[in-house]
Structures are given as structure tokens and as C-alpha cells.
Amino acid sequence: MDLKRIENAVREILAAVGEDPNREGLQETPRRVASMYQELFDGLNSDPAEHLRAVFSETYDELVVLRDIPFNSMCEHHLMPFEGKAHVAYLPDGQVIGISKLARVVDDFAHRPQVQERLTCQIADLLMEKLQAKGVAIVVEATHTCMTCRGIKKAGSVMVTSAVRGRCRSDARTRGEVMSLLHD
């Protein structure tokens, strides 16, 4: 990541909005913003699939659900934060993964310029592929500051997206069970 370039861009933005980038309170702002972007976009330099390499053989064939995984991301349309919770469920087919790895996958995809719909699908598709799961269901709930702080300014609104794959989608009973577990 080119931190110096980000710093220069922030100085330009400050000048463009009518501020003095050399004012005492703003002198360190370009460095702070560059450091913030490095942290918020660290998912650009990671491969979420790396977290799914260490799987465990297991005959368990019921749903595995991890709810309320907190995350934050940046809306790629306005470069404003959105944050919320991801709920992840999968139906194993002979192998399971450590639950912390599910949260790491969420974070890696979230820490990129992103839209919630893509984030939701990326998590589902990766889990289906790498775990060779019988089914996957992802529900993501988030508040978008690009909608709550600007534009229409509807504080308190929550966007919900889902991505359902395999038996979690095709089998009505499995879909009903997984959705009830994800929303409990």
C-alpha cells in the first residue's frame, strides 16, 4: 500500500474543502488517514482461503452455525464505513473447520472496498468450495454510514442480505432449520 500517496491525497482533499492542511490540528491527519486505510483495507493483501486449509475429518453431518460475528467494512461507492454482524452456517460433508477460521474469512472479505451483497456471496461461495460442504447459508446485517450520515440520513436502518447454497437452498426442511438457527 502506498501510504505516502494516500497522505498526499488527503492533504489535497483538505485543501480542496477549504482547510489548511498545515493547521496544527490537521498536520498529522494525512498520516493517520493513511494508517487507517492500511488497516481497513488489509483484506486486499490476504487470501481468505488460507484460513480454510486446516480442516478436520469428522463424521458430523448436522448444521454448524456461528452467529453474531462482528465486522466492519468500507462501502466502495462512498468510502464510508458499514458495520454489523455476519451469521454463518454450513452443512459439513466429512470435514469441519475451527470456528475462529469462519470469523477470519468474514474479516478478510470485509476489509476491502466492498458492497454488502458481494461480501455475503463471497463468504458463501468460498465455504462451499473449500469445505466441500453439502450446504451453506450466510446472513449479513449491517448499518451503512453512507445512508445514515449522508444522503437520505436514515439512522437506525439495517440492511440484511443472504446467500444460500447447496442443500441449505434446495431442501425446504434444511433451509427452514438453518434460517431459524441464524435468526434465533
Protein backbone atom coordinates (compact mmCIF):
# COMPACT_ATOMS: atom_id res chain seq x y z
CA MET A 1 0.00 0.00 0.00
CA ASP A 2 1.37 3.41 -0.98
CA LEU A 3 0.99 5.34 2.30
CA LYS A 4 2.79 8.46 1.05
CA ARG A 5 0.41 8.69 -1.89
CA ILE A 6 -2.59 8.43 0.43
CA GLU A 7 -1.12 11.14 2.66
CA ASN A 8 -0.68 13.45 -0.34
CA ALA A 9 -4.25 12.75 -1.47
CA VAL A 10 -5.62 13.58 1.99
CA ARG A 11 -3.69 16.86 2.02
CA GLU A 12 -5.27 17.68 -1.36
CA ILE A 13 -8.75 16.83 -0.08
CA LEU A 14 -8.27 19.05 2.97
CA ALA A 15 -7.14 21.93 0.76
CA ALA A 16 -9.99 21.28 -1.70
CA VAL A 17 -12.63 21.59 1.04
CA GLY A 18 -11.12 24.89 2.16
CA GLU A 19 -8.98 23.73 5.09
CA ASP A 20 -5.33 24.41 5.75
CA PRO A 21 -3.55 21.02 5.88
CA ASN A 22 -0.73 22.73 7.81
CA ARG A 23 -3.05 23.85 10.62
CA GLU A 24 -1.98 22.36 13.96
CA GLY A 25 -4.99 20.06 14.32
CA LEU A 26 -4.62 18.74 10.75
CA GLN A 27 -0.86 18.30 10.43
CA GLU A 28 -0.93 14.61 11.39
CA THR A 29 -4.30 13.86 9.77
CA PRO A 30 -2.87 12.65 6.43
CA ARG A 31 -0.60 10.15 8.22
CA ARG A 32 -3.47 8.98 10.45
CA VAL A 33 -5.81 8.52 7.47
CA ALA A 34 -3.15 6.58 5.54
CA SER A 35 -2.61 4.32 8.55
CA MET A 36 -6.37 3.86 8.90
CA TYR A 37 -6.75 2.85 5.24
CA GLN A 38 -3.88 0.40 5.61
CA GLU A 39 -5.77 -1.26 8.47
CA LEU A 40 -9.25 -1.09 6.94
CA PHE A 41 -8.10 -2.47 3.58
CA ASP A 42 -5.72 -5.16 4.83
CA GLY A 43 -8.02 -7.76 3.27
CA LEU A 44 -6.73 -6.71 -0.15
CA ASN A 45 -3.44 -8.41 0.70
CA SER A 46 -4.89 -11.59 2.16
CA ASP A 47 -6.37 -14.78 0.79
CA PRO A 48 -9.40 -15.85 2.85
CA ALA A 49 -8.99 -19.41 1.56
CA GLU A 50 -5.78 -19.68 3.63
CA HIS A 51 -7.95 -19.93 6.75
CA LEU A 52 -9.71 -23.00 5.39
CA ARG A 53 -6.64 -25.14 4.81
CA ALA A 54 -6.66 -26.84 8.20
CA VAL A 55 -9.85 -28.90 8.13
CA PHE A 56 -10.65 -31.80 10.41
CA SER A 57 -12.16 -35.07 9.29
CA GLU A 58 -15.38 -35.52 11.18
CA THR A 59 -18.48 -37.64 10.62
CA TYR A 60 -20.68 -34.84 12.00
CA ASP A 61 -23.47 -34.22 9.48
CA GLU A 62 -25.67 -31.63 11.17
CA LEU A 63 -25.61 -27.86 10.78
CA VAL A 64 -22.70 -25.86 12.15
CA VAL A 65 -23.71 -22.28 12.94
CA LEU A 66 -21.69 -19.30 14.13
CA ARG A 67 -23.81 -16.22 14.73
CA ASP A 68 -23.12 -12.60 15.53
CA ILE A 69 -19.65 -12.30 14.02
CA PRO A 70 -18.97 -8.56 14.23
CA PHE A 71 -17.34 -6.96 11.20
CA ASN A 72 -16.63 -3.58 9.66
CA SER A 73 -16.10 -2.72 6.03
CA MET A 74 -15.92 0.23 3.67
CA CYS A 75 -18.59 0.97 1.09
CA GLU A 76 -16.82 1.10 -2.24
CA HIS A 77 -19.28 3.68 -3.57
CA HIS A 78 -18.59 6.39 -0.95
CA LEU A 79 -15.59 5.09 1.04
CA MET A 80 -17.69 5.29 4.18
CA PRO A 81 -17.88 2.53 6.79
CA PHE A 82 -20.56 -0.06 7.19
CA GLU A 83 -20.62 -2.46 10.10
CA GLY A 84 -22.73 -5.19 11.51
CA LYS A 85 -22.90 -8.91 12.13
CA ALA A 86 -22.42 -11.92 9.91
CA HIS A 87 -24.14 -15.23 10.64
CA VAL A 88 -22.54 -18.29 9.05
CA ALA A 89 -23.92 -21.81 8.74
CA TYR A 90 -22.68 -24.83 6.85
CA LEU A 91 -23.68 -28.46 6.49
CA PRO A 92 -20.45 -30.47 6.59
CA ASP A 93 -19.67 -33.39 4.33
CA GLY A 94 -16.93 -35.20 6.24
CA GLN A 95 -14.87 -32.21 7.31
CA VAL A 96 -15.25 -29.30 9.72
CA ILE A 97 -13.24 -26.15 10.34
CA GLY A 98 -12.25 -24.36 13.55
CA ILE A 99 -14.84 -21.71 14.29
CA SER A 100 -12.31 -18.89 14.58
CA LYS A 101 -11.49 -19.52 10.91
CA LEU A 102 -15.05 -18.60 9.95
CA ALA A 103 -14.63 -15.20 11.61
CA ARG A 104 -11.28 -14.73 9.87
CA VAL A 105 -12.88 -15.39 6.48
CA VAL A 106 -15.53 -12.76 7.22
CA ASP A 107 -12.86 -10.22 8.21
CA ASP A 108 -10.66 -10.86 5.18
CA PHE A 109 -13.52 -10.25 2.77
CA ALA A 110 -14.86 -7.31 4.79
CA HIS A 111 -11.51 -5.49 4.85
CA ARG A 112 -11.68 -4.43 1.21
CA PRO A 113 -13.64 -1.78 -0.63
CA GLN A 114 -16.90 -3.70 -0.64
CA VAL A 115 -20.65 -3.90 -1.11
CA GLN A 116 -22.67 -6.00 1.31
CA GLU A 117 -24.25 -8.16 -1.39
CA ARG A 118 -20.84 -9.23 -2.74
CA LEU A 119 -19.44 -9.75 0.76
CA THR A 120 -22.28 -12.14 1.58
CA CYS A 121 -21.82 -14.16 -1.61
CA GLN A 122 -18.03 -14.29 -1.33
CA ILE A 123 -18.25 -15.89 2.10
CA ALA A 124 -20.85 -18.43 0.96
CA ASP A 125 -19.05 -19.38 -2.24
CA LEU A 126 -15.68 -19.82 -0.55
CA LEU A 127 -17.11 -22.04 2.20
CA MET A 128 -18.96 -24.19 -0.34
CA GLU A 129 -15.86 -24.62 -2.47
CA LYS A 130 -13.15 -25.08 0.15
CA LEU A 131 -15.11 -27.08 2.72
CA GLN A 132 -16.92 -29.07 0.02
CA ALA A 133 -19.98 -28.55 2.21
CA LYS A 134 -23.37 -30.04 1.47
CA GLY A 135 -24.81 -26.58 2.02
CA VAL A 136 -24.05 -23.07 3.23
CA ALA A 137 -26.18 -20.18 4.45
CA ILE A 138 -24.88 -16.70 5.21
CA VAL A 139 -26.92 -13.79 6.58
CA VAL A 140 -25.29 -10.38 6.97
CA GLU A 141 -26.90 -7.46 8.81
CA ALA A 142 -25.24 -4.05 8.60
CA THR A 143 -25.71 -0.35 9.12
CA HIS A 144 -24.24 1.79 6.34
CA THR A 145 -23.00 5.25 7.24
CA CYS A 146 -23.32 6.25 3.58
CA MET A 147 -27.07 6.05 4.25
CA THR A 148 -27.26 7.05 7.92
CA CYS A 149 -24.87 10.05 7.98
CA ARG A 150 -25.35 11.49 4.49
CA GLY A 151 -27.82 11.36 1.65
CA ILE A 152 -31.19 10.20 2.95
CA LYS A 153 -29.92 10.18 6.59
CA LYS A 154 -31.98 7.27 7.89
CA ALA A 155 -30.25 6.43 11.17
CA GLY A 156 -31.14 3.04 12.60
CA SER A 157 -31.81 1.37 9.26
CA VAL A 158 -30.27 -2.08 8.85
CA MET A 159 -29.62 -3.83 5.55
CA VAL A 160 -29.95 -7.63 5.54
CA THR A 161 -28.52 -9.87 2.81
CA SER A 162 -28.39 -13.62 2.48
CA ALA A 163 -26.60 -16.17 0.33
CA VAL A 164 -27.84 -19.75 0.45
CA ARG A 165 -26.12 -22.61 -1.36
CA GLY A 166 -26.48 -26.38 -1.82
CA ARG A 167 -28.93 -28.29 0.38
CA CYS A 168 -29.48 -25.21 2.52
CA ARG A 169 -31.15 -23.77 -0.56
CA SER A 170 -32.65 -26.78 -2.34
CA ASP A 171 -34.09 -28.72 0.62
CA ALA A 172 -37.00 -26.84 2.19
CA ARG A 173 -36.63 -28.51 5.61
CA THR A 174 -32.90 -27.79 5.79
CA ARG A 175 -33.46 -24.22 4.64
CA GLY A 176 -36.14 -23.70 7.31
CA GLU A 177 -33.91 -25.14 10.03
CA VAL A 178 -30.85 -23.12 9.07
CA MET A 179 -32.79 -19.87 8.80
CA SER A 180 -34.40 -20.42 12.21
CA LEU A 181 -30.94 -21.05 13.73
CA LEU A 182 -29.44 -17.98 12.04
CA HIS A 183 -32.20 -15.70 13.34
CA ASP A 184 -32.71 -17.05 16.88
